[in-house]
């Protein structure tokens, strides 16, 4: 690898180990084996490099989710598939706490960091497209822009909320079946149970 790639790998390691806000340029240099001047040369600034590390880490995590459908292809019923895919995603959330913590930290920084907000905003539509593809078991190329916008945003909202919950009360996370049952109740008008039972 060259200095550019080494720096990115070092920044991704720092993101997981130290977090976004606490990572310094010297931390990245120590993790990458590159020199301090190379950050400016290749990325312009430490902040630009860290933004790229957030995006690259998220893309890698998302690519790993692309492997999920193989485990659930037999689920023909849409709610069964929804539950099975969420169970796979929840398993990853539970096993990759450093990544989840880094993502949640970044979410908290967005209101005060225009550069970070812009960088994430640029790739957000791709994330929605990828989630729709995973849940539908189709290639990204088969997902139209409107489905990515509407349904992808729904999946992103669930995913973000579950990430936050996993850091607060991991033992209380819903299962994929719980999420499917919630969706069924909401769409059937049975949030409080059949015919509003209490």
C-alpha atoms as a PDB file:
ATOM      1  CA  UNK A   1       0.000   0.000   0.000  1.00  0.00           C
ATOM      2  CA  UNK A   2       1.040   3.602  -0.509  1.00  0.00           C
ATOM      3  CA  UNK A   3       0.932   6.379   2.050  1.00  0.00           C
ATOM      4  CA  UNK A   4      -2.607   7.392   1.019  1.00  0.00           C
ATOM      5  CA  UNK A   5      -4.018   3.910   1.644  1.00  0.00           C
ATOM      6  CA  UNK A   6      -1.917   3.460   4.805  1.00  0.00           C
ATOM      7  CA  UNK A   7      -3.293   6.715   6.193  1.00  0.00           C
ATOM      8  CA  UNK A   8      -6.871   5.682   5.475  1.00  0.00           C
ATOM      9  CA  UNK A   9      -6.370   2.287   7.134  1.00  0.00           C
ATOM     10  CA  UNK A  10      -4.745   3.982  10.126  1.00  0.00           C
ATOM     11  CA  UNK A  11      -7.603   6.482  10.388  1.00  0.00           C
ATOM     12  CA  UNK A  12     -10.175   3.670  10.260  1.00  0.00           C
ATOM     13  CA  UNK A  13      -8.343   1.871  13.095  1.00  0.00           C
ATOM     14  CA  UNK A  14      -8.254   5.070  15.140  1.00  0.00           C
ATOM     15  CA  UNK A  15     -11.956   5.638  14.484  1.00  0.00           C
ATOM     16  CA  UNK A  16     -12.739   2.269  16.077  1.00  0.00           C
ATOM     17  CA  UNK A  17     -10.207   2.475  18.887  1.00  0.00           C
ATOM     18  CA  UNK A  18     -10.337   6.142  19.904  1.00  0.00           C
ATOM     19  CA  UNK A  19     -13.444   7.546  18.262  1.00  0.00           C
ATOM     20  CA  UNK A  20     -13.842  10.327  15.726  1.00  0.00           C
ATOM     21  CA  UNK A  21     -13.430  13.386  17.941  1.00  0.00           C
ATOM     22  CA  UNK A  22     -10.548  12.063  20.067  1.00  0.00           C
ATOM     23  CA  UNK A  23      -8.354  10.948  17.166  1.00  0.00           C
ATOM     24  CA  UNK A  24      -5.423  13.271  16.516  1.00  0.00           C
ATOM     25  CA  UNK A  25      -3.216  13.539  13.452  1.00  0.00           C
ATOM     26  CA  UNK A  26      -0.384  12.012  15.503  1.00  0.00           C
ATOM     27  CA  UNK A  27      -2.614   9.038  16.362  1.00  0.00           C
ATOM     28  CA  UNK A  28      -3.213   8.431  12.660  1.00  0.00           C
ATOM     29  CA  UNK A  29       0.483   8.719  11.884  1.00  0.00           C
ATOM     30  CA  UNK A  30       1.292   6.206  14.642  1.00  0.00           C
ATOM     31  CA  UNK A  31      -1.380   3.786  13.389  1.00  0.00           C
ATOM     32  CA  UNK A  32      -0.397   4.112   9.731  1.00  0.00           C
ATOM     33  CA  UNK A  33       3.378   4.350   9.777  1.00  0.00           C
ATOM     34  CA  UNK A  34       3.133   7.380   7.489  1.00  0.00           C
ATOM     35  CA  UNK A  35       4.460  10.842   8.310  1.00  0.00           C
ATOM     36  CA  UNK A  36       2.528  13.869   9.516  1.00  0.00           C
ATOM     37  CA  UNK A  37       3.019  15.876   6.324  1.00  0.00           C
ATOM     38  CA  UNK A  38       1.490  13.104   4.224  1.00  0.00           C
ATOM     39  CA  UNK A  39      -1.951  13.743   5.761  1.00  0.00           C
ATOM     40  CA  UNK A  40      -2.040  17.235   4.265  1.00  0.00           C
ATOM     41  CA  UNK A  41      -0.522  16.064   1.004  1.00  0.00           C
ATOM     42  CA  UNK A  42      -2.977  13.215   0.408  1.00  0.00           C
ATOM     43  CA  UNK A  43      -6.154  14.426   2.142  1.00  0.00           C
ATOM     44  CA  UNK A  44      -5.764  18.147   2.776  1.00  0.00           C
ATOM     45  CA  UNK A  45      -6.422  17.864   6.509  1.00  0.00           C
ATOM     46  CA  UNK A  46      -6.905  15.429   9.362  1.00  0.00           C
ATOM     47  CA  UNK A  47     -10.633  16.209   9.351  1.00  0.00           C
ATOM     48  CA  UNK A  48     -10.950  15.361   5.646  1.00  0.00           C
ATOM     49  CA  UNK A  49      -9.115  12.095   6.261  1.00  0.00           C
ATOM     50  CA  UNK A  50     -11.352  11.223   9.209  1.00  0.00           C
ATOM     51  CA  UNK A  51     -14.465  11.964   7.138  1.00  0.00           C
ATOM     52  CA  UNK A  52     -13.154   9.610   4.471  1.00  0.00           C
ATOM     53  CA  UNK A  53     -12.486   6.987   7.174  1.00  0.00           C
ATOM     54  CA  UNK A  54     -16.106   7.234   8.367  1.00  0.00           C
ATOM     55  CA  UNK A  55     -17.421   6.764   4.832  1.00  0.00           C
ATOM     56  CA  UNK A  56     -15.008   3.918   4.030  1.00  0.00           C
ATOM     57  CA  UNK A  57     -15.829   2.093   7.278  1.00  0.00           C
ATOM     58  CA  UNK A  58     -19.550   2.456   6.614  1.00  0.00           C
ATOM     59  CA  UNK A  59     -19.160   1.216   3.046  1.00  0.00           C
ATOM     60  CA  UNK A  60     -17.230  -1.831   4.256  1.00  0.00           C
ATOM     61  CA  UNK A  61     -19.858  -2.558   6.893  1.00  0.00           C
ATOM     62  CA  UNK A  62     -22.580  -2.172   4.280  1.00  0.00           C
ATOM     63  CA  UNK A  63     -20.754  -4.513   1.899  1.00  0.00           C
ATOM     64  CA  UNK A  64     -20.673  -7.096   4.675  1.00  0.00           C
ATOM     65  CA  UNK A  65     -24.445  -6.779   4.958  1.00  0.00           C
ATOM     66  CA  UNK A  66     -24.681  -7.724   1.299  1.00  0.00           C
ATOM     67  CA  UNK A  67     -23.889 -11.281   2.373  1.00  0.00           C
ATOM     68  CA  UNK A  68     -27.010 -11.457   4.537  1.00  0.00           C
ATOM     69  CA  UNK A  69     -29.638 -12.561   1.982  1.00  0.00           C
ATOM     70  CA  UNK A  70     -27.971 -15.897   1.266  1.00  0.00           C
ATOM     71  CA  UNK A  71     -28.969 -17.047   4.750  1.00  0.00           C
ATOM     72  CA  UNK A  72     -32.632 -16.119   4.234  1.00  0.00           C
ATOM     73  CA  UNK A  73     -33.378 -16.801   0.578  1.00  0.00           C
ATOM     74  CA  UNK A  74     -35.848 -19.512   1.558  1.00  0.00           C
ATOM     75  CA  UNK A  75     -38.147 -17.020   3.283  1.00  0.00           C
ATOM     76  CA  UNK A  76     -40.847 -16.416   0.668  1.00  0.00           C
ATOM     77  CA  UNK A  77     -43.230 -14.469   2.920  1.00  0.00           C
ATOM     78  CA  UNK A  78     -42.194 -10.782   3.001  1.00  0.00           C
ATOM     79  CA  UNK A  79     -42.576 -10.493   6.796  1.00  0.00           C
ATOM     80  CA  UNK A  80     -40.571 -13.697   7.321  1.00  0.00           C
ATOM     81  CA  UNK A  81     -37.813 -12.355   5.094  1.00  0.00           C
ATOM     82  CA  UNK A  82     -37.957  -8.982   6.881  1.00  0.00           C
ATOM     83  CA  UNK A  83     -37.558 -10.773  10.237  1.00  0.00           C
ATOM     84  CA  UNK A  84     -34.781 -13.061   9.016  1.00  0.00           C
ATOM     85  CA  UNK A  85     -32.728 -10.242   7.495  1.00  0.00           C
ATOM     86  CA  UNK A  86     -33.126  -8.114  10.626  1.00  0.00           C
ATOM     87  CA  UNK A  87     -31.969 -11.041  12.761  1.00  0.00           C
ATOM     88  CA  UNK A  88     -28.795 -11.181  10.656  1.00  0.00           C
ATOM     89  CA  UNK A  89     -28.300  -7.400  10.897  1.00  0.00           C
ATOM     90  CA  UNK A  90     -28.929  -7.421  14.653  1.00  0.00           C
ATOM     91  CA  UNK A  91     -26.310 -10.145  15.008  1.00  0.00           C
ATOM     92  CA  UNK A  92     -23.781  -7.870  13.340  1.00  0.00           C
ATOM     93  CA  UNK A  93     -24.809  -4.917  15.478  1.00  0.00           C
ATOM     94  CA  UNK A  94     -24.253  -7.015  18.604  1.00  0.00           C
ATOM     95  CA  UNK A  95     -20.871  -8.320  17.508  1.00  0.00           C
ATOM     96  CA  UNK A  96     -19.345  -5.076  16.188  1.00  0.00           C
ATOM     97  CA  UNK A  97     -19.785  -2.679  19.098  1.00  0.00           C
ATOM     98  CA  UNK A  98     -16.709  -0.544  18.318  1.00  0.00           C
ATOM     99  CA  UNK A  99     -18.040   0.200  14.841  1.00  0.00           C
ATOM    100  CA  UNK A 100     -21.524   0.919  16.199  1.00  0.00           C
ATOM    101  CA  UNK A 101     -20.127   3.244  18.880  1.00  0.00           C
ATOM    102  CA  UNK A 102     -18.119   5.160  16.259  1.00  0.00           C
ATOM    103  CA  UNK A 103     -21.187   5.536  14.035  1.00  0.00           C
ATOM    104  CA  UNK A 104     -23.356   6.804  16.874  1.00  0.00           C
ATOM    105  CA  UNK A 105     -20.633   9.260  17.943  1.00  0.00           C
ATOM    106  CA  UNK A 106     -20.514  10.622  14.392  1.00  0.00           C
ATOM    107  CA  UNK A 107     -24.297  11.099  14.363  1.00  0.00           C
ATOM    108  CA  UNK A 108     -23.992  13.305  17.426  1.00  0.00           C
ATOM    109  CA  UNK A 109     -21.381  15.487  15.702  1.00  0.00           C
ATOM    110  CA  UNK A 110     -23.413  16.170  12.553  1.00  0.00           C
ATOM    111  CA  UNK A 111     -25.266  19.299  13.740  1.00  0.00           C
ATOM    112  CA  UNK A 112     -21.970  21.094  14.450  1.00  0.00           C
ATOM    113  CA  UNK A 113     -19.761  19.743  11.651  1.00  0.00           C
ATOM    114  CA  UNK A 114     -20.876  20.905   8.207  1.00  0.00           C
ATOM    115  CA  UNK A 115     -18.072  19.029   6.414  1.00  0.00           C
ATOM    116  CA  UNK A 116     -18.993  15.740   8.059  1.00  0.00           C
ATOM    117  CA  UNK A 117     -22.702  16.339   7.413  1.00  0.00           C
ATOM    118  CA  UNK A 118     -22.003  17.046   3.736  1.00  0.00           C
ATOM    119  CA  UNK A 119     -19.794  13.960   3.333  1.00  0.00           C
ATOM    120  CA  UNK A 120     -22.399  11.657   4.858  1.00  0.00           C
ATOM    121  CA  UNK A 121     -25.220  13.367   2.987  1.00  0.00           C
ATOM    122  CA  UNK A 122     -23.523  12.558  -0.308  1.00  0.00           C
ATOM    123  CA  UNK A 123     -23.517   8.808   0.336  1.00  0.00           C
ATOM    124  CA  UNK A 124     -26.796   8.506   2.251  1.00  0.00           C
ATOM    125  CA  UNK A 125     -28.868   7.712  -0.874  1.00  0.00           C
ATOM    126  CA  UNK A 126     -26.502   4.839  -1.744  1.00  0.00           C
ATOM    127  CA  UNK A 127     -26.997   3.457   1.757  1.00  0.00           C
ATOM    128  CA  UNK A 128     -30.763   3.449   1.317  1.00  0.00           C
ATOM    129  CA  UNK A 129     -30.421   1.776  -2.066  1.00  0.00           C
ATOM    130  CA  UNK A 130     -28.158  -0.880  -0.584  1.00  0.00           C
ATOM    131  CA  UNK A 131     -30.552  -1.621   2.279  1.00  0.00           C
ATOM    132  CA  UNK A 132     -33.497  -2.022  -0.094  1.00  0.00           C
ATOM    133  CA  UNK A 133     -31.403  -4.405  -2.208  1.00  0.00           C
ATOM    134  CA  UNK A 134     -30.474  -6.472   0.846  1.00  0.00           C
ATOM    135  CA  UNK A 135     -34.014  -6.715   2.175  1.00  0.00           C
ATOM    136  CA  UNK A 136     -35.453  -7.508  -1.252  1.00  0.00           C
ATOM    137  CA  UNK A 137     -32.666  -9.915  -2.189  1.00  0.00           C
ATOM    138  CA  UNK A 138     -31.853  -8.119  -5.449  1.00  0.00           C
ATOM    139  CA  UNK A 139     -28.774  -6.375  -6.894  1.00  0.00           C
ATOM    140  CA  UNK A 140     -28.427  -2.631  -6.186  1.00  0.00           C
ATOM    141  CA  UNK A 141     -28.969  -1.967  -9.879  1.00  0.00           C
ATOM    142  CA  UNK A 142     -32.577  -3.192  -9.601  1.00  0.00           C
ATOM    143  CA  UNK A 143     -33.521  -0.621  -6.944  1.00  0.00           C
ATOM    144  CA  UNK A 144     -35.185   2.482  -8.383  1.00  0.00           C
ATOM    145  CA  UNK A 145     -34.538   5.933  -6.944  1.00  0.00           C
ATOM    146  CA  UNK A 146     -38.000   6.328  -5.391  1.00  0.00           C
ATOM    147  CA  UNK A 147     -37.806   2.967  -3.578  1.00  0.00           C
ATOM    148  CA  UNK A 148     -34.341   3.870  -2.334  1.00  0.00           C
ATOM    149  CA  UNK A 149     -35.626   7.218  -1.089  1.00  0.00           C
ATOM    150  CA  UNK A 150     -38.826   6.030   0.599  1.00  0.00           C
ATOM    151  CA  UNK A 151     -38.131   2.471   1.719  1.00  0.00           C
ATOM    152  CA  UNK A 152     -34.388   2.999   2.088  1.00  0.00           C
ATOM    153  CA  UNK A 153     -35.051   5.884   4.484  1.00  0.00           C
ATOM    154  CA  UNK A 154     -37.344   3.610   6.509  1.00  0.00           C
ATOM    155  CA  UNK A 155     -34.637   0.948   6.791  1.00  0.00           C
ATOM    156  CA  UNK A 156     -32.011   3.579   7.632  1.00  0.00           C
ATOM    157  CA  UNK A 157     -34.213   4.965  10.403  1.00  0.00           C
ATOM    158  CA  UNK A 158     -34.672   1.489  11.879  1.00  0.00           C
ATOM    159  CA  UNK A 159     -30.982   0.674  11.568  1.00  0.00           C
ATOM    160  CA  UNK A 160     -29.877   3.917  13.207  1.00  0.00           C
ATOM    161  CA  UNK A 161     -32.361   3.510  16.035  1.00  0.00           C
ATOM    162  CA  UNK A 162     -31.284  -0.077  16.649  1.00  0.00           C
ATOM    163  CA  UNK A 163     -27.628   0.963  16.706  1.00  0.00           C
ATOM    164  CA  UNK A 164     -28.385   3.544  19.393  1.00  0.00           C
ATOM    165  CA  UNK A 165     -30.482   1.077  21.397  1.00  0.00           C
ATOM    166  CA  UNK A 166     -27.706  -1.511  21.206  1.00  0.00           C
ATOM    167  CA  UNK A 167     -25.369   0.854  23.048  1.00  0.00           C
ATOM    168  CA  UNK A 168     -27.907   1.765  25.725  1.00  0.00           C
ATOM    169  CA  UNK A 169     -29.615  -1.552  26.466  1.00  0.00           C
ATOM    170  CA  UNK A 170     -28.201  -4.331  24.289  1.00  0.00           C
ATOM    171  CA  UNK A 171     -30.124  -6.949  26.244  1.00  0.00           C
ATOM    172  CA  UNK A 172     -33.428  -5.279  25.316  1.00  0.00           C
ATOM    173  CA  UNK A 173     -32.973  -5.164  21.542  1.00  0.00           C
ATOM    174  CA  UNK A 174     -35.953  -6.525  19.654  1.00  0.00           C
ATOM    175  CA  UNK A 175     -35.561  -9.581  17.472  1.00  0.00           C
ATOM    176  CA  UNK A 176     -36.269  -9.644  13.765  1.00  0.00           C
ATOM    177  CA  UNK A 177     -39.565 -11.364  14.573  1.00  0.00           C
ATOM    178  CA  UNK A 178     -40.409  -8.546  17.030  1.00  0.00           C
ATOM    179  CA  UNK A 179     -39.758  -5.959  14.319  1.00  0.00           C
ATOM    180  CA  UNK A 180     -41.877  -7.883  11.810  1.00  0.00           C
ATOM    181  CA  UNK A 181     -44.708  -8.182  14.327  1.00  0.00           C
ATOM    182  CA  UNK A 182     -44.512  -4.440  15.041  1.00  0.00           C
ATOM    183  CA  UNK A 183     -44.706  -3.698  11.322  1.00  0.00           C
ATOM    184  CA  UNK A 184     -47.645  -6.092  10.909  1.00  0.00           C
ATOM    185  CA  UNK A 185     -49.532  -4.495  13.827  1.00  0.00           C
ATOM    186  CA  UNK A 186     -48.919  -0.944  12.620  1.00  0.00           C
ATOM    187  CA  UNK A 187     -50.079  -1.674   9.076  1.00  0.00           C
ATOM    188  CA  UNK A 188     -53.087  -3.680  10.312  1.00  0.00           C
ATOM    189  CA  UNK A 189     -54.147  -0.967  12.766  1.00  0.00           C
ATOM    190  CA  UNK A 190     -53.601  -3.366  15.669  1.00  0.00           C
ATOM    191  CA  UNK A 191     -50.868  -1.561  17.587  1.00  0.00           C
ATOM    192  CA  UNK A 192     -52.557  -2.320  20.925  1.00  0.00           C
ATOM    193  CA  UNK A 193     -53.353  -5.872  19.875  1.00  0.00           C
ATOM    194  CA  UNK A 194     -56.279  -7.321  17.885  1.00  0.00           C
ATOM    195  CA  UNK A 195     -59.239  -4.909  18.053  1.00  0.00           C
ATOM    196  CA  UNK A 196     -57.482  -2.698  20.598  1.00  0.00           C
ATOM    197  CA  UNK A 197     -57.167  -5.344  23.342  1.00  0.00           C
ATOM    198  CA  UNK A 198     -55.296  -4.191  26.407  1.00  0.00           C
END
